[in-house]
Amino acid sequence: MTTTRRTLLRAAAGFAVASPAILRAQPAWPNKPITIVVNFPAGGLTDGVARSFGQHVQQATGQQVIIDNKPGASGNIGAALVARAPADGYTFLHSVSSTLVQNRVMFKTMGFDPDKDLTIVSGTSSGVLPVVVHKSVPVSNLKEFIEYAKKNKVNFGSWALGSSAHIFAQGLNEKFGLQIEVVTYKGEAPMWQDIGAGQLQAAMGSPQAFNALLIKGEIKPIVAPSRVRAGKFPDLPTSAEQGFTDGVFTVRGWLALAAPAATPKPIVQKMSDLWVAAADSEPGRKMMESFGLTEKPLNHEEVMKDYEVLKATVIPRIVALGITPE
């Protein structure tokens, strides 16, 4: 009995000594500044959500959140930086889903593997991107636009190769035997300039970017290619509501908050909870309202499931476009 008791006491003493060391090896997260790399320039939706949601994370944790813009190569440069960063919960990526999905078939090499090198923490809706037509095009809905395109030359603006706009226009061509010409730009700004000048008959993009043309009456929305109606255009029916239920006419995608793949699951889950809650914080709510975003962010489990659906849906469509990888 004496030996057993001593043995137990020594074991307990050893545990008492070891436990603080174990605790010290796993300090509470976060205990230092967090960096969120945004792989697009400052000023856009991706950057704006990162800053407003990051403000909530900073307030909730008491740790500084640093936004570091690293644009280039359609988002690949910033994403690769985060993929190679220490998986300790202090470096995250805020990007668009196309960086993780479309880019894998748009580029010969991305500098990282989206599936192996990153895990998605949360996904925030990028909002509804309405299809609009120039005021000279006498249509008011998607059915009328298709009939118009059967009889007239139509140029459709896209802000990038393989974009949602590109996929949507090509889907119209394939499903209805049209010959819509997709005109590719490096961003939305020059695209809206051309449609304002009447050089494009149609385009798809963000309401914030085309708002000035809308106010002047130069363009008019004809359909919301989304699962829900646009917050800023509550009377604009979705594709499905207009009878176009094929998935190619419903744009899928979100803004992705991601972390290096080996980031501890408890940290991923905590950051996911913070990011989802940020949408209801004062800075997050203001940002959501300013961009007309109505859908709440997806948490880690939800976005990882939707990620698989997105890949299975979008990648074949990009491949079908026949774009030669850069």
Protein backbone atom coordinates (compact mmCIF):
# COMPACT_ATOMS: atom_id res chain seq x y z
CA MET A 1 0.00 0.00 0.00
CA THR A 2 2.83 2.38 0.94
CA THR A 3 4.62 1.79 -2.36
CA THR A 4 1.43 2.23 -4.31
CA ARG A 5 0.60 5.45 -2.49
CA ARG A 6 4.09 6.87 -3.07
CA THR A 7 3.92 5.89 -6.69
CA LEU A 8 0.61 7.65 -7.05
CA LEU A 9 1.93 10.75 -5.27
CA ARG A 10 4.99 10.88 -7.52
CA ALA A 11 2.78 10.49 -10.57
CA ALA A 12 0.51 13.25 -9.36
CA ALA A 13 3.45 15.51 -8.65
CA GLY A 14 4.84 14.83 -12.10
CA PHE A 15 1.49 15.68 -13.64
CA ALA A 16 1.32 18.88 -11.62
CA VAL A 17 4.73 19.88 -12.95
CA ALA A 18 3.97 18.84 -16.53
CA SER A 19 0.53 20.40 -16.83
CA PRO A 20 1.64 24.07 -16.80
CA ALA A 21 4.22 23.26 -19.47
CA ILE A 22 1.53 21.72 -21.64
CA LEU A 23 -0.66 24.75 -21.10
CA ARG A 24 2.20 27.10 -21.90
CA ALA A 25 2.81 25.21 -25.15
CA GLN A 26 -0.79 25.84 -26.20
CA PRO A 27 -1.57 29.47 -25.33
CA ALA A 28 -5.03 30.85 -25.83
CA TRP A 29 -5.74 32.13 -29.33
CA PRO A 30 -5.30 34.89 -30.31
CA ASN A 31 -2.53 36.44 -28.26
CA LYS A 32 -0.92 38.59 -30.96
CA PRO A 33 -1.99 40.52 -34.11
CA ILE A 34 -3.80 38.67 -36.89
CA THR A 35 -2.99 39.38 -40.55
CA ILE A 36 -5.63 39.00 -43.25
CA VAL A 37 -4.15 38.98 -46.75
CA VAL A 38 -6.57 40.35 -49.35
CA ASN A 39 -5.49 39.22 -52.80
CA PHE A 40 -7.14 42.14 -54.60
CA PRO A 41 -6.56 45.91 -54.47
CA ALA A 42 -8.01 48.08 -51.74
CA GLY A 43 -11.39 49.64 -52.35
CA GLY A 44 -13.41 46.73 -53.71
CA LEU A 45 -15.95 44.42 -52.10
CA THR A 46 -13.38 41.78 -51.10
CA ASP A 47 -11.26 44.39 -49.35
CA GLY A 48 -14.24 46.18 -47.81
CA VAL A 49 -15.70 43.06 -46.21
CA ALA A 50 -12.27 42.04 -44.90
CA ARG A 51 -11.82 45.43 -43.24
CA SER A 52 -15.31 45.69 -41.73
CA PHE A 53 -15.46 42.08 -40.55
CA GLY A 54 -11.86 42.31 -39.37
CA GLN A 55 -12.85 45.28 -37.24
CA HIS A 56 -15.36 43.07 -35.44
CA VAL A 57 -12.73 40.35 -34.89
CA GLN A 58 -10.40 42.98 -33.44
CA GLN A 59 -13.08 44.29 -31.09
CA ALA A 60 -14.12 40.80 -30.01
CA THR A 61 -10.62 39.46 -29.36
CA GLY A 62 -8.74 42.57 -28.30
CA GLN A 63 -6.01 41.78 -30.84
CA GLN A 64 -5.11 43.99 -33.81
CA VAL A 65 -6.28 42.78 -37.22
CA ILE A 66 -4.01 43.88 -40.06
CA ILE A 67 -5.29 43.97 -43.66
CA ASP A 68 -2.48 43.34 -46.16
CA ASN A 69 -3.40 43.80 -49.84
CA LYS A 70 -1.41 41.51 -52.16
CA PRO A 71 -3.06 41.67 -55.61
CA GLY A 72 -1.83 40.06 -58.80
CA ALA A 73 -2.26 37.06 -61.11
CA SER A 74 -6.03 36.96 -60.59
CA GLY A 75 -5.52 36.50 -56.87
CA ASN A 76 -2.91 33.73 -57.06
CA ILE A 77 -0.07 35.80 -55.57
CA GLY A 78 -1.82 36.59 -52.30
CA ALA A 79 -3.32 33.12 -52.01
CA ALA A 80 0.08 31.48 -52.46
CA LEU A 81 1.55 33.66 -49.71
CA VAL A 82 -1.06 32.45 -47.24
CA ALA A 83 -0.73 28.84 -48.40
CA ARG A 84 2.96 28.98 -47.44
CA ALA A 85 2.42 30.87 -44.15
CA PRO A 86 2.74 29.22 -40.72
CA ALA A 87 -0.46 27.36 -39.84
CA ASP A 88 -0.73 29.00 -36.42
CA GLY A 89 -3.96 30.96 -36.81
CA TYR A 90 -2.34 34.35 -37.36
CA THR A 91 -2.43 34.54 -41.15
CA PHE A 92 -5.64 34.30 -43.19
CA LEU A 93 -6.64 34.92 -46.78
CA HIS A 94 -9.69 36.87 -47.91
CA SER A 95 -10.42 36.17 -51.54
CA VAL A 96 -13.15 35.39 -54.04
CA SER A 97 -14.18 31.80 -54.67
CA SER A 98 -13.00 32.04 -58.28
CA THR A 99 -9.37 32.19 -57.05
CA LEU A 100 -9.84 28.76 -55.50
CA VAL A 101 -12.10 27.26 -58.18
CA GLN A 102 -11.86 28.85 -61.63
CA ASN A 103 -8.14 29.62 -61.43
CA ARG A 104 -7.18 25.96 -61.27
CA VAL A 105 -8.25 25.53 -64.89
CA MET A 106 -7.35 29.06 -66.00
CA PHE A 107 -3.66 28.85 -65.08
CA LYS A 108 -1.01 26.23 -65.82
CA THR A 109 0.38 26.83 -62.36
CA MET A 110 -1.07 28.77 -59.44
CA GLY A 111 1.82 28.53 -57.00
CA PHE A 112 -0.35 26.59 -54.53
CA ASP A 113 -2.91 23.79 -54.41
CA PRO A 114 -6.30 25.13 -53.22
CA ASP A 115 -7.43 21.74 -51.91
CA LYS A 116 -4.20 20.67 -50.17
CA ASP A 117 -2.77 23.98 -48.98
CA LEU A 118 -5.83 25.88 -47.71
CA THR A 119 -8.95 25.30 -45.66
CA ILE A 120 -11.93 27.62 -46.00
CA VAL A 121 -13.01 29.19 -42.72
CA SER A 122 -16.13 31.02 -43.85
CA GLY A 123 -17.88 32.18 -47.01
CA THR A 124 -19.64 35.52 -47.42
CA SER A 125 -22.07 36.09 -50.27
CA SER A 126 -20.66 38.40 -52.91
CA GLY A 127 -24.15 39.62 -53.63
CA VAL A 128 -26.27 39.59 -56.74
CA LEU A 129 -24.65 40.60 -60.04
CA PRO A 130 -27.56 41.67 -62.27
CA VAL A 131 -27.54 41.36 -66.05
CA VAL A 132 -28.20 44.75 -67.60
CA VAL A 133 -28.73 45.97 -71.15
CA HIS A 134 -28.04 49.29 -72.84
CA LYS A 135 -31.04 51.59 -73.09
CA SER A 136 -31.12 51.04 -76.86
CA VAL A 137 -31.94 47.34 -76.42
CA PRO A 138 -35.75 47.03 -76.34
CA VAL A 139 -36.10 44.24 -73.78
CA SER A 140 -37.18 44.03 -70.15
CA ASN A 141 -36.50 40.40 -69.20
CA LEU A 142 -34.30 37.44 -70.09
CA LYS A 143 -36.78 35.81 -72.48
CA GLU A 144 -37.07 38.99 -74.52
CA PHE A 145 -33.28 39.35 -74.51
CA ILE A 146 -32.86 35.86 -75.96
CA GLU A 147 -35.35 36.63 -78.72
CA TYR A 148 -33.54 39.89 -79.44
CA ALA A 149 -30.18 38.10 -79.61
CA LYS A 150 -31.56 35.65 -82.17
CA LYS A 151 -32.13 38.50 -84.61
CA ASN A 152 -29.47 41.06 -83.68
CA LYS A 153 -25.74 41.24 -83.03
CA VAL A 154 -25.10 41.29 -79.29
CA ASN A 155 -21.84 41.97 -77.44
CA PHE A 156 -21.83 40.86 -73.80
CA GLY A 157 -19.28 42.36 -71.40
CA SER A 158 -17.20 40.21 -69.01
CA TRP A 159 -14.71 41.57 -66.47
CA ALA A 160 -12.38 38.57 -66.95
CA LEU A 161 -11.94 35.34 -68.87
CA GLY A 162 -13.94 32.58 -67.22
CA SER A 163 -15.90 35.01 -65.05
CA SER A 164 -19.52 34.44 -64.04
CA ALA A 165 -20.52 36.84 -66.80
CA HIS A 166 -18.55 34.80 -69.35
CA ILE A 167 -20.17 31.56 -68.18
CA PHE A 168 -23.67 33.10 -68.23
CA ALA A 169 -23.33 34.48 -71.77
CA GLN A 170 -21.82 31.26 -73.08
CA GLY A 171 -24.65 29.36 -71.45
CA LEU A 172 -27.13 31.42 -73.43
CA ASN A 173 -25.24 30.61 -76.62
CA GLU A 174 -25.21 26.89 -75.92
CA LYS A 175 -28.76 26.51 -74.65
CA PHE A 176 -30.48 28.68 -77.24
CA GLY A 177 -28.20 28.52 -80.28
CA LEU A 178 -27.17 32.17 -80.03
CA GLN A 179 -24.00 33.87 -81.22
CA ILE A 180 -23.47 36.38 -78.46
CA GLU A 181 -19.90 37.71 -78.55
CA VAL A 182 -18.28 37.87 -75.13
CA VAL A 183 -15.99 40.90 -74.82
CA THR A 184 -13.40 40.46 -72.06
CA TYR A 185 -12.04 43.36 -70.02
CA LYS A 186 -9.49 43.73 -67.23
CA GLY A 187 -11.98 44.65 -64.56
CA GLU A 188 -15.43 46.22 -64.46
CA ALA A 189 -14.58 49.91 -64.92
CA PRO A 190 -13.70 49.82 -68.66
CA MET A 191 -16.59 47.45 -69.30
CA TRP A 192 -19.12 49.90 -67.88
CA GLN A 193 -17.54 52.74 -69.83
CA ASP A 194 -18.16 50.84 -73.06
CA ILE A 195 -21.73 49.91 -72.29
CA GLY A 196 -22.41 53.52 -71.33
CA ALA A 197 -21.08 54.52 -74.75
CA GLY A 198 -23.36 51.98 -76.43
CA GLN A 199 -20.48 49.74 -77.59
CA LEU A 200 -21.87 46.83 -75.57
CA GLN A 201 -25.47 45.68 -75.63
CA ALA A 202 -25.34 43.78 -72.34
CA ALA A 203 -23.15 43.07 -69.33
CA MET A 204 -23.22 41.61 -65.85
CA GLY A 205 -21.65 43.08 -62.75
CA SER A 206 -21.93 44.75 -59.38
CA PRO A 207 -24.62 47.38 -58.71
CA GLN A 208 -22.06 49.67 -57.06
CA ALA A 209 -20.00 49.76 -60.24
CA PHE A 210 -22.87 50.46 -62.65
CA ASN A 211 -24.93 52.70 -60.36
CA ALA A 212 -23.95 55.94 -62.12
CA LEU A 213 -25.13 54.56 -65.47
CA LEU A 214 -28.35 53.37 -63.89
CA ILE A 215 -29.07 56.80 -62.43
CA LYS A 216 -28.50 58.41 -65.85
CA GLY A 217 -30.86 55.91 -67.46
CA GLU A 218 -28.16 54.51 -69.74
CA ILE A 219 -28.82 50.90 -68.70
CA LYS A 220 -31.62 48.77 -67.26
CA PRO A 221 -31.48 45.48 -65.31
CA ILE A 222 -33.31 42.52 -66.84
CA VAL A 223 -32.54 39.57 -64.55
CA ALA A 224 -30.89 38.60 -61.27
CA PRO A 225 -28.84 35.44 -62.05
CA SER A 226 -28.87 34.31 -58.43
CA ARG A 227 -30.65 32.22 -55.84
CA VAL A 228 -32.20 35.30 -54.23
CA ARG A 229 -33.32 38.70 -55.46
CA ALA A 230 -30.91 41.60 -55.22
CA GLY A 231 -31.33 43.69 -52.08
CA LYS A 232 -31.06 46.89 -54.12
CA PHE A 233 -33.42 45.54 -56.81
CA PRO A 234 -36.20 43.77 -54.90
CA ASP A 235 -38.53 43.89 -57.91
CA LEU A 236 -36.04 42.27 -60.29
CA PRO A 237 -36.92 38.55 -60.70
CA THR A 238 -34.24 35.88 -60.57
CA SER A 239 -33.46 33.61 -63.52
CA ALA A 240 -35.46 30.79 -61.95
CA GLU A 241 -38.42 33.07 -61.34
CA GLN A 242 -38.33 33.93 -65.04
CA GLY A 243 -38.42 30.23 -65.94
CA PHE A 244 -34.69 29.62 -66.49
CA THR A 245 -33.91 26.88 -63.98
CA ASP A 246 -30.72 25.49 -65.54
CA GLY A 247 -27.86 25.94 -63.09
CA VAL A 248 -25.76 27.84 -65.63
CA PHE A 249 -28.13 30.80 -65.20
CA THR A 250 -27.72 30.94 -61.42
CA VAL A 251 -24.37 32.43 -60.44
CA ARG A 252 -22.70 30.69 -57.50
CA GLY A 253 -19.83 32.01 -55.46
CA TRP A 254 -18.77 33.77 -52.30
CA LEU A 255 -15.95 35.67 -50.68
CA ALA A 256 -13.70 33.14 -48.99
CA LEU A 257 -11.92 33.54 -45.68
CA ALA A 258 -9.27 30.82 -45.73
CA ALA A 259 -6.32 29.64 -43.64
CA PRO A 260 -3.31 27.38 -44.20
CA ALA A 261 -4.60 23.81 -44.29
CA ALA A 262 -2.82 22.65 -41.10
CA THR A 263 -4.31 25.43 -38.94
CA PRO A 264 -5.69 23.80 -35.76
CA LYS A 265 -9.38 22.99 -36.06
CA PRO A 266 -10.36 24.83 -32.83
CA ILE A 267 -8.84 28.04 -34.22
CA VAL A 268 -10.58 27.55 -37.57
CA GLN A 269 -13.89 27.03 -35.76
CA LYS A 270 -13.43 30.06 -33.51
CA MET A 271 -12.50 32.31 -36.43
CA SER A 272 -15.47 30.95 -38.36
CA ASP A 273 -17.79 31.89 -35.49
CA LEU A 274 -16.27 35.36 -35.28
CA TRP A 275 -16.61 35.91 -39.05
CA VAL A 276 -20.25 34.81 -39.13
CA ALA A 277 -21.05 37.04 -36.14
CA ALA A 278 -19.29 39.96 -37.84
CA ALA A 279 -22.18 40.28 -40.31
CA ASP A 280 -24.40 41.40 -37.42
CA SER A 281 -21.85 43.78 -35.91
CA GLU A 282 -22.18 47.49 -36.57
CA PRO A 283 -19.29 47.73 -39.09
CA GLY A 284 -20.32 44.47 -40.75
CA ARG A 285 -23.97 45.42 -41.01
CA LYS A 286 -23.11 48.78 -42.59
CA MET A 287 -20.89 47.07 -45.15
CA MET A 288 -23.55 44.49 -45.95
CA GLU A 289 -26.17 47.19 -46.43
CA SER A 290 -23.93 49.39 -48.59
CA PHE A 291 -23.34 46.52 -51.02
CA GLY A 292 -26.89 45.18 -50.86
CA LEU A 293 -25.83 41.86 -49.33
CA THR A 294 -28.66 39.97 -47.64
CA GLU A 295 -27.38 36.41 -47.13
CA LYS A 296 -25.55 35.59 -43.89
CA PRO A 297 -22.02 34.17 -44.14
CA LEU A 298 -21.59 30.40 -44.26
CA ASN A 299 -19.71 28.84 -41.36
CA HIS A 300 -16.76 26.47 -41.80
CA GLU A 301 -18.79 23.29 -42.21
CA GLU A 302 -21.34 24.91 -44.51
CA VAL A 303 -18.80 26.56 -46.79
CA MET A 304 -16.68 23.41 -47.14
CA LYS A 305 -19.76 21.50 -48.30
CA ASP A 306 -20.72 24.25 -50.74
CA TYR A 307 -17.11 24.37 -51.96
CA GLU A 308 -17.45 20.82 -53.25
CA VAL A 309 -20.72 21.69 -54.99
CA LEU A 310 -19.14 24.79 -56.50
CA LYS A 311 -16.18 22.86 -57.90
CA ALA A 312 -18.43 20.19 -59.39
CA THR A 313 -20.66 22.85 -60.94
CA VAL A 314 -18.28 25.54 -62.16
CA ILE A 315 -15.13 23.70 -63.24
CA PRO A 316 -16.82 21.74 -66.06
CA ARG A 317 -18.33 24.98 -67.35
CA ILE A 318 -14.93 26.69 -67.40
CA VAL A 319 -13.41 23.71 -69.22
CA ALA A 320 -16.25 23.84 -71.74
CA LEU A 321 -15.32 27.44 -72.59
CA GLY A 322 -12.13 26.11 -74.19
CA ILE A 323 -9.88 28.73 -72.62
CA THR A 324 -6.15 28.03 -72.96
CA PRO A 325 -4.54 28.17 -69.50
CA GLU A 326 -2.06 31.01 -69.03
